[in-house]
Amino acid sequence: MASHTIVNVGYRSTNFWVVTAGRTRLLVDLGWMGMLGAMRAELQRKGIALTEITHGFATHYHLDHAGLAQELKASGMVLIITPEQLAGAAVMRQHAKPQDHHIDVVLDDAKTRVVPLASSRAFLGDIGIDGVLIHTPGHSDDSVSLLLDDGSAFTGDLTHPGFATEEDEDVVARSWQTLRDRGAKTVYPGHGSVRPL
């Protein structure tokens, strides 16, 4: 198992995680729309240059988790997206206000890799990350978590079971159980503190 480090470069009450393994720096969740300067400043505060982010992955396509996807791609990042997330990325603009300066995510260019869940272990392994992507609906249908082999689970906004609505409680419970069954031990959430699972 490759060794890695995890650094929180979050701002505005949202966590964005840089997972470093060898020469790969994977940004999990891609910033608030229109706030590239804040992302750059937080990365710099943590000793990471924006140009060192080699890959990026959004746990879901909401404005506070994937808002900078296209701008980060323009800075050199390769976007990892699963087929389950394509529709969410395409409609993200519907939730933006004109003052947000939304930039559509281009999904058919050389800086985008559509990675099926079944191929995610091989893809991540090729870039030095020991882990897998797992579909974890509950907060949104396009929610996908990154689970590292050491048990670190990057869950974005996957609803805590205690806060699930009656309508969503079954799907939320299944998503958390799937993570447990696959070996998740520590939750790196989109908001709040790191906690044991």
Protein backbone atom coordinates (compact mmCIF):
# COMPACT_ATOMS: atom_id res chain seq x y z
CA MET A 1 0.00 0.00 0.00
CA ALA A 2 1.38 3.38 -1.02
CA SER A 3 1.77 5.96 1.71
CA HIS A 4 -0.16 9.17 1.35
CA THR A 5 -0.86 12.41 3.16
CA ILE A 6 -4.18 14.21 3.52
CA VAL A 7 -4.40 18.00 3.88
CA ASN A 8 -7.59 20.03 4.29
CA VAL A 9 -7.52 23.12 2.07
CA GLY A 10 -11.13 24.06 2.77
CA TYR A 11 -12.67 27.49 3.11
CA ARG A 12 -16.13 28.95 3.63
CA SER A 13 -17.25 26.01 5.85
CA THR A 14 -16.54 23.40 3.15
CA ASN A 15 -13.69 20.91 3.29
CA PHE A 16 -11.54 20.26 0.23
CA TRP A 17 -8.97 17.51 0.68
CA VAL A 18 -5.60 17.14 -1.04
CA VAL A 19 -4.49 13.49 -1.07
CA THR A 20 -0.82 13.21 -1.98
CA ALA A 21 0.82 9.94 -3.01
CA GLY A 22 4.24 10.22 -4.63
CA ARG A 23 3.98 12.81 -7.41
CA THR A 24 0.19 12.69 -7.55
CA ARG A 25 -1.88 15.33 -5.79
CA LEU A 26 -5.57 14.54 -5.94
CA LEU A 27 -8.00 17.26 -4.87
CA VAL A 28 -11.22 15.77 -3.48
CA ASP A 29 -14.00 18.30 -3.97
CA LEU A 30 -13.29 21.22 -6.19
CA GLY A 31 -14.14 24.48 -4.51
CA TRP A 32 -16.86 27.08 -4.46
CA MET A 33 -17.82 28.56 -7.80
CA GLY A 34 -16.22 31.93 -8.47
CA MET A 35 -13.69 31.56 -5.65
CA LEU A 36 -10.51 30.38 -7.36
CA GLY A 37 -8.55 33.05 -5.49
CA ALA A 38 -9.69 31.65 -2.14
CA MET A 39 -8.73 28.13 -3.22
CA ARG A 40 -5.32 29.30 -4.44
CA ALA A 41 -4.72 31.21 -1.17
CA GLU A 42 -5.67 28.23 1.01
CA LEU A 43 -3.47 25.88 -1.02
CA GLN A 44 -0.59 28.35 -0.68
CA ARG A 45 -1.15 28.60 3.09
CA LYS A 46 -0.73 24.83 3.25
CA GLY A 47 2.40 24.85 1.07
CA ILE A 48 0.77 23.50 -2.09
CA ALA A 49 0.91 25.32 -5.42
CA LEU A 50 -2.25 25.23 -7.51
CA THR A 51 -0.21 23.84 -10.40
CA GLU A 52 0.77 20.84 -8.23
CA ILE A 53 -2.82 19.54 -8.24
CA THR A 54 -2.54 16.77 -10.83
CA HIS A 55 -6.06 15.31 -10.52
CA GLY A 56 -9.40 16.33 -9.10
CA PHE A 57 -12.58 14.54 -8.15
CA ALA A 58 -15.91 15.99 -6.97
CA THR A 59 -17.97 13.84 -4.63
CA HIS A 60 -21.06 15.40 -6.25
CA TYR A 61 -21.88 18.25 -8.58
CA HIS A 62 -23.18 21.01 -6.34
CA LEU A 63 -21.82 24.55 -6.49
CA ASP A 64 -19.85 24.27 -3.24
CA HIS A 65 -18.15 20.99 -4.17
CA ALA A 66 -17.53 21.24 -7.91
CA GLY A 67 -17.81 24.95 -8.64
CA LEU A 68 -14.20 25.38 -9.77
CA ALA A 69 -13.92 22.21 -11.83
CA GLN A 70 -13.36 23.90 -15.18
CA GLU A 71 -11.07 26.60 -13.79
CA LEU A 72 -8.94 23.96 -12.07
CA LYS A 73 -8.74 22.02 -15.33
CA ALA A 74 -7.48 25.21 -17.00
CA SER A 75 -4.72 25.28 -14.35
CA GLY A 76 -3.60 21.78 -15.37
CA MET A 77 -5.75 19.43 -13.29
CA VAL A 78 -7.21 16.27 -14.83
CA LEU A 79 -10.86 15.84 -13.83
CA ILE A 80 -11.99 12.38 -12.74
CA ILE A 81 -15.74 11.90 -13.10
CA THR A 82 -17.90 8.78 -13.02
CA PRO A 83 -20.80 8.02 -15.39
CA GLU A 84 -23.19 8.48 -12.43
CA GLN A 85 -22.06 12.10 -12.19
CA LEU A 86 -22.28 13.23 -15.80
CA ALA A 87 -25.89 14.41 -15.60
CA GLY A 88 -25.21 16.34 -12.38
CA ALA A 89 -22.25 18.12 -13.95
CA ALA A 90 -24.33 19.05 -16.98
CA VAL A 91 -27.10 20.71 -14.94
CA MET A 92 -24.99 22.38 -12.26
CA ARG A 93 -25.39 25.74 -14.01
CA GLN A 94 -29.14 25.69 -13.27
CA HIS A 95 -28.36 26.43 -9.63
CA ALA A 96 -26.00 29.32 -10.32
CA LYS A 97 -26.91 32.99 -10.11
CA PRO A 98 -25.55 35.44 -12.70
CA GLN A 99 -23.19 37.00 -10.13
CA ASP A 100 -21.66 33.57 -9.48
CA HIS A 101 -19.85 33.66 -12.85
CA HIS A 102 -20.46 29.97 -13.46
CA ILE A 103 -18.20 28.27 -15.99
CA ASP A 104 -19.61 25.08 -17.51
CA VAL A 105 -17.59 21.91 -17.05
CA VAL A 106 -16.36 20.65 -20.41
CA LEU A 107 -16.70 16.87 -20.27
CA ASP A 108 -15.35 15.84 -23.69
CA ASP A 109 -11.82 17.21 -23.62
CA ALA A 110 -8.35 15.84 -22.93
CA LYS A 111 -8.46 17.00 -19.30
CA THR A 112 -11.48 14.86 -18.40
CA ARG A 113 -11.43 11.15 -17.59
CA VAL A 114 -14.80 9.41 -17.31
CA VAL A 115 -14.00 6.50 -15.02
CA PRO A 116 -16.59 3.74 -14.50
CA LEU A 117 -16.80 2.59 -10.89
CA ALA A 118 -15.71 -0.92 -11.85
CA SER A 119 -12.51 0.52 -13.37
CA SER A 120 -11.80 3.03 -10.63
CA ARG A 121 -9.35 0.89 -8.64
CA ALA A 122 -7.18 0.35 -11.71
CA PHE A 123 -7.37 4.01 -12.76
CA LEU A 124 -6.51 5.30 -9.28
CA GLY A 125 -3.73 2.73 -8.95
CA ASP A 126 -2.19 3.95 -12.19
CA ILE A 127 -1.85 7.44 -10.66
CA GLY A 128 -0.52 6.08 -7.35
CA ILE A 129 -3.69 6.20 -5.23
CA ASP A 130 -4.68 2.93 -3.54
CA GLY A 131 -8.44 3.12 -3.40
CA VAL A 132 -11.77 2.89 -5.16
CA LEU A 133 -14.75 5.07 -6.06
CA ILE A 134 -18.10 3.96 -4.66
CA HIS A 135 -21.58 5.23 -5.57
CA THR A 136 -23.09 6.51 -2.31
CA PRO A 137 -26.42 8.19 -3.07
CA GLY A 138 -28.37 9.82 -0.28
CA HIS A 139 -27.47 13.48 -0.41
CA SER A 140 -27.80 13.43 -4.20
CA ASP A 141 -28.11 10.76 -6.86
CA ASP A 142 -24.66 11.65 -8.21
CA SER A 143 -22.85 11.28 -4.87
CA VAL A 144 -19.72 9.15 -5.14
CA SER A 145 -17.24 8.57 -2.31
CA LEU A 146 -13.51 7.92 -2.54
CA LEU A 147 -12.44 5.08 -0.24
CA LEU A 148 -8.70 4.60 0.28
CA ASP A 149 -7.35 1.18 1.18
CA ASP A 150 -6.37 2.44 4.64
CA GLY A 151 -10.07 3.06 5.42
CA SER A 152 -10.14 6.82 4.76
CA ALA A 153 -13.54 7.66 3.22
CA PHE A 154 -14.13 11.00 1.49
CA THR A 155 -17.91 11.23 1.58
CA GLY A 156 -18.74 14.79 0.54
CA ASP A 157 -22.23 15.59 1.80
CA LEU A 158 -23.47 12.02 2.30
CA THR A 159 -26.18 12.54 4.90
CA HIS A 160 -25.49 11.32 8.42
CA PRO A 161 -28.04 8.56 9.12
CA GLY A 162 -29.37 10.50 12.11
CA PHE A 163 -30.33 13.41 9.83
CA ALA A 164 -31.82 11.46 6.93
CA THR A 165 -35.42 12.21 6.05
CA GLU A 166 -37.94 9.40 6.11
CA GLU A 167 -37.93 9.50 2.32
CA ASP A 168 -34.13 9.03 2.11
CA GLU A 169 -33.29 6.97 5.20
CA ASP A 170 -33.09 3.61 3.41
CA VAL A 171 -30.79 4.78 0.62
CA VAL A 172 -28.61 6.71 3.11
CA ALA A 173 -28.34 3.65 5.38
CA ARG A 174 -27.38 1.46 2.40
CA SER A 175 -24.66 3.89 1.31
CA TRP A 176 -23.09 3.99 4.77
CA GLN A 177 -23.34 0.20 5.08
CA THR A 178 -21.63 -0.20 1.72
CA LEU A 179 -18.75 1.96 2.94
CA ARG A 180 -18.48 -0.08 6.16
CA ASP A 181 -18.59 -3.35 4.24
CA ARG A 182 -15.80 -2.11 1.97
CA GLY A 183 -13.56 -1.24 4.94
CA ALA A 184 -14.21 2.43 5.67
CA LYS A 185 -12.90 3.46 9.10
CA THR A 186 -12.49 7.24 9.05
CA VAL A 187 -14.83 9.80 7.47
CA TYR A 188 -13.40 12.89 5.77
CA PRO A 189 -16.65 14.81 5.25
CA GLY A 190 -17.49 17.77 3.06
CA HIS A 191 -18.41 19.77 6.15
CA GLY A 192 -17.39 19.33 9.78
CA SER A 193 -14.61 17.38 11.41
CA VAL A 194 -12.90 14.12 10.57
CA ARG A 195 -14.55 11.33 12.56
CA PRO A 196 -14.45 7.57 12.96
CA LEU A 197 -17.10 5.60 11.12
